[in-house]
Amino acid sequence: MEWMVWTQPTAIFFSVIAALLLGMSAWEWVSPSVERRGFLPLATTRGDRLFIGLLSAAYIHLAVVGFTNISIWFALGAAVLWTLVLMRWG
């Protein structure tokens, strides 16, 4: 039976995702969000925008790894920047 090897980057990745989800849950409990319209073509809540940001981050990483020779750190920076813009003005 083979077990998954948890490397440090993998553990950090899943820890950050878990911390984001816990933080958003606490924020929602303290201050319930209302739908609003930003530059996205639909009304979204904070949780919707976080989900869209995480999904976008995955696609940004796949695009950088699959189609360019750019460093993965560029993809991380672009994904974080995009998610922050999306959370604020999306």
PDB file of N, CA and C in Angstrom:
ATOM      1  N   MET A   1       0.843  -1.171   0.000  1.00  0.00           N
ATOM      2  CA  MET A   1       0.000   0.000   0.000  1.00  0.00           C
ATOM      3  C   MET A   1       0.894   1.242   0.000  1.00  0.00           C
ATOM      4  N   GLU A   2       0.643   2.145  -0.927  1.00  0.00           N
ATOM      5  CA  GLU A   2       1.439   3.364  -1.052  1.00  0.00           C
ATOM      6  C   GLU A   2       0.725   4.512  -0.353  1.00  0.00           C
ATOM      7  N   TRP A   3       1.491   5.332   0.318  1.00  0.00           N
ATOM      8  CA  TRP A   3       0.949   6.496   1.003  1.00  0.00           C
ATOM      9  C   TRP A   3       1.395   7.755   0.281  1.00  0.00           C
ATOM     10  N   MET A   4       0.563   8.767   0.363  1.00  0.00           N
ATOM     11  CA  MET A   4       0.912  10.047  -0.239  1.00  0.00           C
ATOM     12  C   MET A   4       2.058  10.674   0.543  1.00  0.00           C
ATOM     13  N   VAL A   5       3.017  11.192  -0.185  1.00  0.00           N
ATOM     14  CA  VAL A   5       4.144  11.854   0.455  1.00  0.00           C
ATOM     15  C   VAL A   5       3.805  13.328   0.607  1.00  0.00           C
ATOM     16  N   TRP A   6       3.753  13.785   1.844  1.00  0.00           N
ATOM     17  CA  TRP A   6       3.462  15.194   2.113  1.00  0.00           C
ATOM     18  C   TRP A   6       4.766  15.960   2.167  1.00  0.00           C
ATOM     19  N   THR A   7       5.054  16.658   1.095  1.00  0.00           N
ATOM     20  CA  THR A   7       6.230  17.508   1.097  1.00  0.00           C
ATOM     21  C   THR A   7       5.871  18.824   1.770  1.00  0.00           C
ATOM     22  N   GLN A   8       6.880  19.596   2.098  1.00  0.00           N
ATOM     23  CA  GLN A   8       6.618  20.874   2.764  1.00  0.00           C
ATOM     24  C   GLN A   8       5.769  21.806   1.897  1.00  0.00           C
ATOM     25  N   PRO A   9       6.055  21.965   0.584  1.00  0.00           N
ATOM     26  CA  PRO A   9       5.198  22.838  -0.225  1.00  0.00           C
ATOM     27  C   PRO A   9       3.745  22.359  -0.282  1.00  0.00           C
ATOM     28  N   THR A  10       3.532  21.053  -0.314  1.00  0.00           N
ATOM     29  CA  THR A  10       2.177  20.524  -0.334  1.00  0.00           C
ATOM     30  C   THR A  10       1.454  20.835   0.973  1.00  0.00           C
ATOM     31  N   ALA A  11       2.143  20.646   2.073  1.00  0.00           N
ATOM     32  CA  ALA A  11       1.553  20.940   3.381  1.00  0.00           C
ATOM     33  C   ALA A  11       1.238  22.427   3.508  1.00  0.00           C
ATOM     34  N   ILE A  12       2.124  23.296   3.030  1.00  0.00           N
ATOM     35  CA  ILE A  12       1.878  24.737   3.078  1.00  0.00           C
ATOM     36  C   ILE A  12       0.675  25.092   2.219  1.00  0.00           C
ATOM     37  N   PHE A  13       0.596  24.516   1.030  1.00  0.00           N
ATOM     38  CA  PHE A  13      -0.514  24.788   0.115  1.00  0.00           C
ATOM     39  C   PHE A  13      -1.854  24.465   0.775  1.00  0.00           C
ATOM     40  N   PHE A  14      -1.989  23.268   1.300  1.00  0.00           N
ATOM     41  CA  PHE A  14      -3.256  22.868   1.895  1.00  0.00           C
ATOM     42  C   PHE A  14      -3.530  23.611   3.207  1.00  0.00           C
ATOM     43  N   SER A  15      -2.486  23.965   3.929  1.00  0.00           N
ATOM     44  CA  SER A  15      -2.668  24.747   5.155  1.00  0.00           C
ATOM     45  C   SER A  15      -3.186  26.149   4.839  1.00  0.00           C
ATOM     46  N   VAL A  16      -2.669  26.754   3.779  1.00  0.00           N
ATOM     47  CA  VAL A  16      -3.141  28.089   3.382  1.00  0.00           C
ATOM     48  C   VAL A  16      -4.594  28.027   2.941  1.00  0.00           C
ATOM     49  N   ILE A  17      -4.960  27.007   2.156  1.00  0.00           N
ATOM     50  CA  ILE A  17      -6.352  26.861   1.716  1.00  0.00           C
ATOM     51  C   ILE A  17      -7.263  26.670   2.935  1.00  0.00           C
ATOM     52  N   ALA A  18      -6.860  25.824   3.871  1.00  0.00           N
ATOM     53  CA  ALA A  18      -7.663  25.601   5.081  1.00  0.00           C
ATOM     54  C   ALA A  18      -7.788  26.884   5.899  1.00  0.00           C
ATOM     55  N   ALA A  19      -6.693  27.636   6.020  1.00  0.00           N
ATOM     56  CA  ALA A  19      -6.738  28.889   6.775  1.00  0.00           C
ATOM     57  C   ALA A  19      -7.657  29.905   6.096  1.00  0.00           C
ATOM     58  N   LEU A  20      -7.618  29.970   4.764  1.00  0.00           N
ATOM     59  CA  LEU A  20      -8.525  30.864   4.032  1.00  0.00           C
ATOM     60  C   LEU A  20      -9.983  30.493   4.283  1.00  0.00           C
ATOM     61  N   LEU A  21     -10.280  29.217   4.221  1.00  0.00           N
ATOM     62  CA  LEU A  21     -11.658  28.777   4.436  1.00  0.00           C
ATOM     63  C   LEU A  21     -12.117  29.039   5.866  1.00  0.00           C
ATOM     64  N   LEU A  22     -11.264  28.773   6.839  1.00  0.00           N
ATOM     65  CA  LEU A  22     -11.621  29.048   8.229  1.00  0.00           C
ATOM     66  C   LEU A  22     -11.783  30.545   8.473  1.00  0.00           C
ATOM     67  N   GLY A  23     -10.880  31.334   7.909  1.00  0.00           N
ATOM     68  CA  GLY A  23     -10.972  32.778   8.056  1.00  0.00           C
ATOM     69  C   GLY A  23     -12.230  33.347   7.422  1.00  0.00           C
ATOM     70  N   MET A  24     -12.565  32.866   6.237  1.00  0.00           N
ATOM     71  CA  MET A  24     -13.784  33.340   5.566  1.00  0.00           C
ATOM     72  C   MET A  24     -15.028  32.897   6.335  1.00  0.00           C
ATOM     73  N   SER A  25     -14.995  31.698   6.911  1.00  0.00           N
ATOM     74  CA  SER A  25     -16.135  31.234   7.706  1.00  0.00           C
ATOM     75  C   SER A  25     -16.333  32.106   8.936  1.00  0.00           C
ATOM     76  N   ALA A  26     -15.243  32.426   9.620  1.00  0.00           N
ATOM     77  CA  ALA A  26     -15.335  33.289  10.798  1.00  0.00           C
ATOM     78  C   ALA A  26     -15.821  34.680  10.411  1.00  0.00           C
ATOM     79  N   TRP A  27     -15.303  35.217   9.309  1.00  0.00           N
ATOM     80  CA  TRP A  27     -15.712  36.538   8.847  1.00  0.00           C
ATOM     81  C   TRP A  27     -17.197  36.552   8.499  1.00  0.00           C
ATOM     82  N   GLU A  28     -17.664  35.486   7.868  1.00  0.00           N
ATOM     83  CA  GLU A  28     -19.084  35.382   7.514  1.00  0.00           C
ATOM     84  C   GLU A  28     -19.958  35.297   8.767  1.00  0.00           C
ATOM     85  N   TRP A  29     -19.474  34.606   9.783  1.00  0.00           N
ATOM     86  CA  TRP A  29     -20.232  34.476  11.024  1.00  0.00           C
ATOM     87  C   TRP A  29     -20.322  35.821  11.751  1.00  0.00           C
ATOM     88  N   VAL A  30     -19.220  36.571  11.769  1.00  0.00           N
ATOM     89  CA  VAL A  30     -19.176  37.869  12.444  1.00  0.00           C
ATOM     90  C   VAL A  30     -19.928  38.931  11.648  1.00  0.00           C
ATOM     91  N   SER A  31     -19.731  38.925  10.333  1.00  0.00           N
ATOM     92  CA  SER A  31     -20.324  39.950   9.479  1.00  0.00           C
ATOM     93  C   SER A  31     -20.870  39.292   8.215  1.00  0.00           C
ATOM     94  N   PRO A  32     -22.130  38.865   8.215  1.00  0.00           N
ATOM     95  CA  PRO A  32     -22.683  38.206   7.037  1.00  0.00           C
ATOM     96  C   PRO A  32     -22.583  39.100   5.795  1.00  0.00           C
ATOM     97  N   SER A  33     -22.208  38.489   4.694  1.00  0.00           N
ATOM     98  CA  SER A  33     -22.028  39.257   3.466  1.00  0.00           C
ATOM     99  C   SER A  33     -23.341  39.381   2.702  1.00  0.00           C
ATOM    100  N   VAL A  34     -23.392  40.387   1.877  1.00  0.00           N
ATOM    101  CA  VAL A  34     -24.530  40.589   0.980  1.00  0.00           C
ATOM    102  C   VAL A  34     -24.003  40.538  -0.441  1.00  0.00           C
ATOM    103  N   GLU A  35     -24.856  40.118  -1.345  1.00  0.00           N
ATOM    104  CA  GLU A  35     -24.434  40.079  -2.745  1.00  0.00           C
ATOM    105  C   GLU A  35     -24.222  41.491  -3.250  1.00  0.00           C
ATOM    106  N   ARG A  36     -23.173  41.649  -4.067  1.00  0.00           N
ATOM    107  CA  ARG A  36     -22.930  42.938  -4.690  1.00  0.00           C
ATOM    108  C   ARG A  36     -22.391  42.712  -6.092  1.00  0.00           C
ATOM    109  N   ARG A  37     -22.471  43.756  -6.879  1.00  0.00           N
ATOM    110  CA  ARG A  37     -21.971  43.678  -8.244  1.00  0.00           C
ATOM    111  C   ARG A  37     -20.706  44.510  -8.354  1.00  0.00           C
ATOM    112  N   GLY A  38     -19.687  43.915  -8.910  1.00  0.00           N
ATOM    113  CA  GLY A  38     -18.444  44.603  -9.202  1.00  0.00           C
ATOM    114  C   GLY A  38     -18.212  44.516 -10.699  1.00  0.00           C
ATOM    115  N   PHE A  39     -16.972  44.263 -11.088  1.00  0.00           N
ATOM    116  CA  PHE A  39     -16.694  44.128 -12.516  1.00  0.00           C
ATOM    117  C   PHE A  39     -17.066  42.760 -13.070  1.00  0.00           C
ATOM    118  N   LEU A  40     -17.357  41.812 -12.195  1.00  0.00           N
ATOM    119  CA  LEU A  40     -17.842  40.511 -12.674  1.00  0.00           C
ATOM    120  C   LEU A  40     -19.277  40.658 -13.179  1.00  0.00           C
ATOM    121  N   PRO A  41     -19.663  39.873 -14.164  1.00  0.00           N
ATOM    122  CA  PRO A  41     -21.004  40.039 -14.739  1.00  0.00           C
ATOM    123  C   PRO A  41     -22.120  39.391 -13.930  1.00  0.00           C
ATOM    124  N   LEU A  42     -21.901  39.152 -12.641  1.00  0.00           N
ATOM    125  CA  LEU A  42     -22.932  38.575 -11.794  1.00  0.00           C
ATOM    126  C   LEU A  42     -22.760  39.092 -10.376  1.00  0.00           C
ATOM    127  N   ALA A  43     -23.824  39.049  -9.619  1.00  0.00           N
ATOM    128  CA  ALA A  43     -23.766  39.456  -8.214  1.00  0.00           C
ATOM    129  C   ALA A  43     -23.104  38.339  -7.413  1.00  0.00           C
ATOM    130  N   THR A  44     -22.124  38.705  -6.569  1.00  0.00           N
ATOM    131  CA  THR A  44     -21.374  37.703  -5.820  1.00  0.00           C
ATOM    132  C   THR A  44     -21.245  38.103  -4.359  1.00  0.00           C
ATOM    133  N   THR A  45     -21.009  37.094  -3.517  1.00  0.00           N
ATOM    134  CA  THR A  45     -20.678  37.316  -2.118  1.00  0.00           C
ATOM    135  C   THR A  45     -19.172  37.148  -1.955  1.00  0.00           C
ATOM    136  N   ARG A  46     -18.657  37.394  -0.745  1.00  0.00           N
ATOM    137  CA  ARG A  46     -17.217  37.199  -0.502  1.00  0.00           C
ATOM    138  C   ARG A  46     -16.794  35.770  -0.792  1.00  0.00           C
ATOM    139  N   GLY A  47     -17.606  34.815  -0.375  1.00  0.00           N
ATOM    140  CA  GLY A  47     -17.277  33.410  -0.601  1.00  0.00           C
ATOM    141  C   GLY A  47     -17.244  33.055  -2.077  1.00  0.00           C
ATOM    142  N   ASP A  48     -18.178  33.617  -2.842  1.00  0.00           N
ATOM    143  CA  ASP A  48     -18.180  33.384  -4.290  1.00  0.00           C
ATOM    144  C   ASP A  48     -16.900  33.907  -4.914  1.00  0.00           C
ATOM    145  N   ARG A  49     -16.498  35.121  -4.504  1.00  0.00           N
ATOM    146  CA  ARG A  49     -15.299  35.724  -5.078  1.00  0.00           C
ATOM    147  C   ARG A  49     -14.042  34.955  -4.668  1.00  0.00           C
ATOM    148  N   LEU A  50     -14.005  34.421  -3.441  1.00  0.00           N
ATOM    149  CA  LEU A  50     -12.868  33.598  -3.028  1.00  0.00           C
ATOM    150  C   LEU A  50     -12.803  32.338  -3.875  1.00  0.00           C
ATOM    151  N   PHE A  51     -13.927  31.683  -4.080  1.00  0.00           N
ATOM    152  CA  PHE A  51     -13.958  30.474  -4.892  1.00  0.00           C
ATOM    153  C   PHE A  51     -13.487  30.772  -6.317  1.00  0.00           C
ATOM    154  N   ILE A  52     -13.994  31.844  -6.913  1.00  0.00           N
ATOM    155  CA  ILE A  52     -13.579  32.217  -8.266  1.00  0.00           C
ATOM    156  C   ILE A  52     -12.086  32.536  -8.292  1.00  0.00           C
ATOM    157  N   GLY A  53     -11.591  33.192  -7.236  1.00  0.00           N
ATOM    158  CA  GLY A  53     -10.168  33.502  -7.160  1.00  0.00           C
ATOM    159  C   GLY A  53      -9.303  32.261  -7.058  1.00  0.00           C
ATOM    160  N   LEU A  54      -9.715  31.293  -6.239  1.00  0.00           N
ATOM    161  CA  LEU A  54      -8.952  30.048  -6.120  1.00  0.00           C
ATOM    162  C   LEU A  54      -8.976  29.256  -7.423  1.00  0.00           C
ATOM    163  N   LEU A  55     -10.118  29.216  -8.070  1.00  0.00           N
ATOM    164  CA  LEU A  55     -10.218  28.525  -9.351  1.00  0.00           C
ATOM    165  C   LEU A  55      -9.358  29.212 -10.407  1.00  0.00           C
ATOM    166  N   SER A  56      -9.396  30.532 -10.420  1.00  0.00           N
ATOM    167  CA  SER A  56      -8.566  31.294 -11.352  1.00  0.00           C
ATOM    168  C   SER A  56      -7.084  31.053 -11.086  1.00  0.00           C
ATOM    169  N   ALA A  57      -6.702  30.985  -9.816  1.00  0.00           N
ATOM    170  CA  ALA A  57      -5.303  30.736  -9.467  1.00  0.00           C
ATOM    171  C   ALA A  57      -4.829  29.401 -10.026  1.00  0.00           C
ATOM    172  N   ALA A  58      -5.682  28.399  -9.967  1.00  0.00           N
ATOM    173  CA  ALA A  58      -5.317  27.092 -10.528  1.00  0.00           C
ATOM    174  C   ALA A  58      -5.100  27.202 -12.034  1.00  0.00           C
ATOM    175  N   TYR A  59      -5.981  27.912 -12.726  1.00  0.00           N
ATOM    176  CA  TYR A  59      -5.831  28.066 -14.174  1.00  0.00           C
ATOM    177  C   TYR A  59      -4.615  28.913 -14.530  1.00  0.00           C
ATOM    178  N   ILE A  60      -4.302  29.927 -13.743  1.00  0.00           N
ATOM    179  CA  ILE A  60      -3.104  30.731 -13.987  1.00  0.00           C
ATOM    180  C   ILE A  60      -1.863  29.851 -13.868  1.00  0.00           C
ATOM    181  N   HIS A  61      -1.808  29.033 -12.821  1.00  0.00           N
ATOM    182  CA  HIS A  61      -0.664  28.137 -12.653  1.00  0.00           C
ATOM    183  C   HIS A  61      -0.565  27.126 -13.789  1.00  0.00           C
ATOM    184  N   LEU A  62      -1.692  26.541 -14.184  1.00  0.00           N
ATOM    185  CA  LEU A  62      -1.667  25.584 -15.290  1.00  0.00           C
ATOM    186  C   LEU A  62      -1.196  26.238 -16.579  1.00  0.00           C
ATOM    187  N   ALA A  63      -1.637  27.457 -16.848  1.00  0.00           N
ATOM    188  CA  ALA A  63      -1.235  28.165 -18.060  1.00  0.00           C
ATOM    189  C   ALA A  63       0.259  28.459 -18.049  1.00  0.00           C
ATOM    190  N   VAL A  64       0.778  28.922 -16.924  1.00  0.00           N
ATOM    191  CA  VAL A  64       2.204  29.237 -16.840  1.00  0.00           C
ATOM    192  C   VAL A  64       3.046  27.973 -16.988  1.00  0.00           C
ATOM    193  N   VAL A  65       2.671  26.921 -16.301  1.00  0.00           N
ATOM    194  CA  VAL A  65       3.438  25.673 -16.376  1.00  0.00           C
ATOM    195  C   VAL A  65       3.319  25.037 -17.761  1.00  0.00           C
ATOM    196  N   GLY A  66       2.129  25.079 -18.338  1.00  0.00           N
ATOM    197  CA  GLY A  66       1.901  24.394 -19.606  1.00  0.00           C
ATOM    198  C   GLY A  66       2.361  25.131 -20.843  1.00  0.00           C
ATOM    199  N   PHE A  67       2.368  26.454 -20.821  1.00  0.00           N
ATOM    200  CA  PHE A  67       2.603  27.193 -22.054  1.00  0.00           C
ATOM    201  C   PHE A  67       3.793  28.131 -22.040  1.00  0.00           C
ATOM    202  N   THR A  68       4.461  28.294 -20.911  1.00  0.00           N
ATOM    203  CA  THR A  68       5.589  29.225 -20.849  1.00  0.00           C
ATOM    204  C   THR A  68       6.768  28.607 -20.120  1.00  0.00           C
ATOM    205  N   ASN A  69       7.879  29.305 -20.173  1.00  0.00           N
ATOM    206  CA  ASN A  69       9.058  28.919 -19.395  1.00  0.00           C
ATOM    207  C   ASN A  69       9.257  29.853 -18.203  1.00  0.00           C
ATOM    208  N   ILE A  70       8.226  30.650 -17.897  1.00  0.00           N
ATOM    209  CA  ILE A  70       8.297  31.592 -16.794  1.00  0.00           C
ATOM    210  C   ILE A  70       8.325  30.823 -15.474  1.00  0.00           C
ATOM    211  N   SER A  71       8.974  31.407 -14.484  1.00  0.00           N
ATOM    212  CA  SER A  71       9.065  30.792 -13.164  1.00  0.00           C
ATOM    213  C   SER A  71       7.670  30.623 -12.544  1.00  0.00           C
ATOM    214  N   ILE A  72       7.516  29.565 -11.798  1.00  0.00           N
ATOM    215  CA  ILE A  72       6.251  29.311 -11.113  1.00  0.00           C
ATOM    216  C   ILE A  72       5.969  30.392 -10.076  1.00  0.00           C
ATOM    217  N   TRP A  73       7.012  31.062  -9.601  1.00  0.00           N
ATOM    218  CA  TRP A  73       6.835  32.158  -8.651  1.00  0.00           C
ATOM    219  C   TRP A  73       6.096  33.326  -9.294  1.00  0.00           C
ATOM    220  N   PHE A  74       6.296  33.526 -10.594  1.00  0.00           N
ATOM    221  CA  PHE A  74       5.526  34.546 -11.313  1.00  0.00           C
ATOM    222  C   PHE A  74       4.042  34.181 -11.289  1.00  0.00           C
ATOM    223  N   ALA A  75       3.745  32.916 -11.517  1.00  0.00           N
ATOM    224  CA  ALA A  75       2.347  32.463 -11.485  1.00  0.00           C
ATOM    225  C   ALA A  75       1.744  32.677 -10.109  1.00  0.00           C
ATOM    226  N   LEU A  76       2.504  32.389  -9.069  1.00  0.00           N
ATOM    227  CA  LEU A  76       2.004  32.596  -7.711  1.00  0.00           C
ATOM    228  C   LEU A  76       1.716  34.074  -7.465  1.00  0.00           C
ATOM    229  N   GLY A  77       2.636  34.934  -7.861  1.00  0.00           N
ATOM    230  CA  GLY A  77       2.432  36.373  -7.686  1.00  0.00           C
ATOM    231  C   GLY A  77       1.226  36.874  -8.456  1.00  0.00           C
ATOM    232  N   ALA A  78       1.095  36.419  -9.712  1.00  0.00           N
ATOM    233  CA  ALA A  78      -0.044  36.832 -10.539  1.00  0.00           C
ATOM    234  C   ALA A  78      -1.358  36.325  -9.944  1.00  0.00           C
ATOM    235  N   ALA A  79      -1.356  35.094  -9.443  1.00  0.00           N
ATOM    236  CA  ALA A  79      -2.569  34.515  -8.872  1.00  0.00           C
ATOM    237  C   ALA A  79      -2.982  35.244  -7.593  1.00  0.00           C
ATOM    238  N   VAL A  80      -2.019  35.564  -6.747  1.00  0.00           N
ATOM    239  CA  VAL A  80      -2.333  36.279  -5.505  1.00  0.00           C
ATOM    240  C   VAL A  80      -2.846  37.677  -5.832  1.00  0.00           C
ATOM    241  N   LEU A  81      -2.175  38.367  -6.757  1.00  0.00           N
ATOM    242  CA  LEU A  81      -2.612  39.704  -7.149  1.00  0.00           C
ATOM    243  C   LEU A  81      -4.021  39.666  -7.735  1.00  0.00           C
ATOM    244  N   TRP A  82      -4.279  38.714  -8.620  1.00  0.00           N
ATOM    245  CA  TRP A  82      -5.603  38.592  -9.229  1.00  0.00           C
ATOM    246  C   TRP A  82      -6.671  38.313  -8.174  1.00  0.00           C
ATOM    247  N   THR A  83      -6.380  37.426  -7.233  1.00  0.00           N
ATOM    248  CA  THR A  83      -7.349  37.106  -6.192  1.00  0.00           C
ATOM    249  C   THR A  83      -7.628  38.322  -5.314  1.00  0.00           C
ATOM    250  N   LEU A  84      -6.613  39.095  -4.993  1.00  0.00           N
ATOM    251  CA  LEU A  84      -6.826  40.304  -4.207  1.00  0.00           C
ATOM    252  C   LEU A  84      -7.678  41.320  -4.958  1.00  0.00           C
ATOM    253  N   VAL A  85      -7.409  41.507  -6.248  1.00  0.00           N
ATOM    254  CA  VAL A  85      -8.226  42.420  -7.066  1.00  0.00           C
ATOM    255  C   VAL A  85      -9.653  41.919  -7.131  1.00  0.00           C
ATOM    256  N   LEU A  86      -9.813  40.629  -7.330  1.00  0.00           N
ATOM    257  CA  LEU A  86     -11.142  40.030  -7.409  1.00  0.00           C
ATOM    258  C   LEU A  86     -11.919  40.180  -6.108  1.00  0.00           C
ATOM    259  N   MET A  87     -11.244  39.984  -4.982  1.00  0.00           N
ATOM    260  CA  MET A  87     -11.921  40.105  -3.688  1.00  0.00           C
ATOM    261  C   MET A  87     -12.341  41.547  -3.413  1.00  0.00           C
ATOM    262  N   ARG A  88     -11.536  42.501  -3.865  1.00  0.00           N
ATOM    263  CA  ARG A  88     -11.840  43.913  -3.581  1.00  0.00           C
ATOM    264  C   ARG A  88     -12.858  44.503  -4.555  1.00  0.00           C
ATOM    265  N   TRP A  89     -12.645  44.294  -5.866  1.00  0.00           N
ATOM    266  CA  TRP A  89     -13.470  44.979  -6.862  1.00  0.00           C
ATOM    267  C   TRP A  89     -14.319  44.046  -7.703  1.00  0.00           C
ATOM    268  N   GLY A  90     -14.237  42.740  -7.471  1.00  0.00           N
ATOM    269  CA  GLY A  90     -14.993  41.782  -8.287  1.00  0.00           C
ATOM    270  C   GLY A  90     -16.398  41.781  -7.881  1.00  0.00           C
TER     271      GLY A  90
END
